[in-house]
Amino acid sequence: MPLLQKGTPPRDPGMDGPVRRTSRRIKEKQNEDKKLMLSPKCLTFMPEKNDDEEEDIEEAVVKRDKKSLPGYRKALSKYELERLENIRQNQAFLSSLNLPQISEALRPKSKPTQKGLKREKTETEMLPVRKSLRLQNQGPQTTPTLETTSYASREPPKKTPGPIPLDPINLDENVRLPEDLEKVWYEVPLTQETRTSDLKSYKQMLQKLYIDDSCVVKVVKDRICAAAFHPSSSNLLMAAGDRSGHLGLWKPDASWGDDGVIYFEPHSRAINSMAFSSHPCNLITVSYDGSARSMDLEKAVFDEVYRSSFGLKSFDFLSADGSTLLLGKWNGEVAVVDRRTAKTCECLYTMATNPLRCVHVHPVQQHYFVVAENRFVKIYDLRHLKKINYSGVGELIGHKRSVSSAFFSPLTGNRVLTTCLDNKIRVFDSSRMDGGIPVLNSIAHNMHTGRWLSKLSAVWDPKQQDCFVIGSVDRPRQIQVYHESGRRLHTFQDMDHLTTVCSITAFHPSRNALLGGNSTGKLYIFTDSFIN
């Protein structure tokens, strides 16, 4: 008992029962911790008794800056004030970067409204549901049914033989062709200069050509396969033919049609080649449907110049007035057509068993013409042509793959320019027709356009004897001008307007202007004169 009483702590008279030692110690510890805890410190600025005037000014500035902090309120701790100061500094730094203005500048601009032909809304054809014959307990069908042939590919019907009325698709039925078009159509072009300018002046001229919103117009609704300038020297008038056989005429500053575009349908399949005759002016077009037609505004018809059971790929004039034509067929034949006779006369010559991709007549000695036959390019003499087995005057060797085009140089014909799918542009010396036609230069150029683009083709500038132009698949999209030596003279680029591959290119015969046609039916014009 004495030992127990000695070890028992004294009772608190204010407590009813005994208090456990552990709970009292916990409470004492909590009280001690509360005493050690400091109350939140507030940033106060109490002036000392002996502060000078500068310290008073500093404290006033600090108080003012403290109140300007974002989220400031009274009785803030030092840590919270530092945090608010960091927020203020970060906000000031971000505002100095002008991020809203930069993001607005980087935001893509709204696409300009499309000029020219408008896209038609077509309803999607609902195809019949395909059902399994096995699940229907039926045997295989040997004859096609109506359901299987309703959505099969259908080739458009050929146009009727003979003249076709000159009726624009995008104009009302009772509206006649604009008088301004007829005035430009029959304008006598200026005599072409026979001399060429030096490369320095020519390069300066190229650098002055530009493009803007008014120089991009949708002329046809399908992929452009051929395009040409009207020879008028005072007005810009262009023609383009697409893969569906449609023809579009475009005058940039005209008010007729759709933004100066008039749309026709002279053929049922792709227009592969076209050209304007000088005087009288006619537009000749040849097509895969086997017909060659002449656009005659005076008669308001598309006259049929020639008709064949095989598709026509290319043609050229054998006379300046366009009365005699040289046409290349897809089956390897060449037809010489004379339009001056009452009944169109033709003379057929078999050049090769391969398709003829291009024919072109010598500008001076018009009895010579060059033919691109698959991998072979040959020069023939019209005076000594035979019906079959004619070897020709000379062969341009060195092509490893199919040749897209071959053209004599415009003024003298002393050069032949070929474009081959082996990624090479070649320039041959045709000044002497004695069998061997040597190659002067070979220029590397990417020709892989794929199946959805027209093949690239290098064409001469008709005003410059030794320079040519070709489209490019490189990025950014561009059109390139070369000298026959292989030197690139100029590259046409425009990130805002030239955004697609222009497979079809051509220079104006007398003005400083260049056109490019793409796979969506648009024409791009580079010119040194302002277009309204």
Foldseek 3Di string as FASTA:
>chain_A
DVVVVVPDDDDDVVDDDDDDPVVVVVVVVVVVVVVVDDDADFDDDDDDPPDDPVVVVVVVVVVVVQVVFPPDDGPDHPVVSVVSVVVVVVVVVVVVVVVVVVVVVPPDDDDDDAFADDDDDDDDDDADDDDDCVVVVHDDDPDDDPSVPVPDDDQDDWDDPWKAFLQFPQDDRPDADDPVVVVQLQDQADDFDQDADDLVVVLVLVVLWDFDPLQKHQQDQFFWQEKDFRQHPPFTWIWTWHFQQKIKIAGSQDDDGGNRITIGRPTRGTFNYWDWQRPPTWIWTFFQQFWIWICDSVVRITGTQGGDNGGWHEKDALDRRRQWIWTFTQQQKIWIWGNPDPDIDIDIAHHDRGGWQYKEAQQPQRQWIWTFGWQWIAIAGNVPTDRYDDPHQATDDDGDGGKNYWYAFQNGSQWIWTHHQVQWIWIWGPPDSHHDIDIDDIEGAHQCPDDLWHTKTWDHANNHRFKIKIFHPDPPGWIWMAGNNHHTSDIDDDPSRRRAIFRYKYARNHFGKIWGTIRRNMIGMTHSDDRD
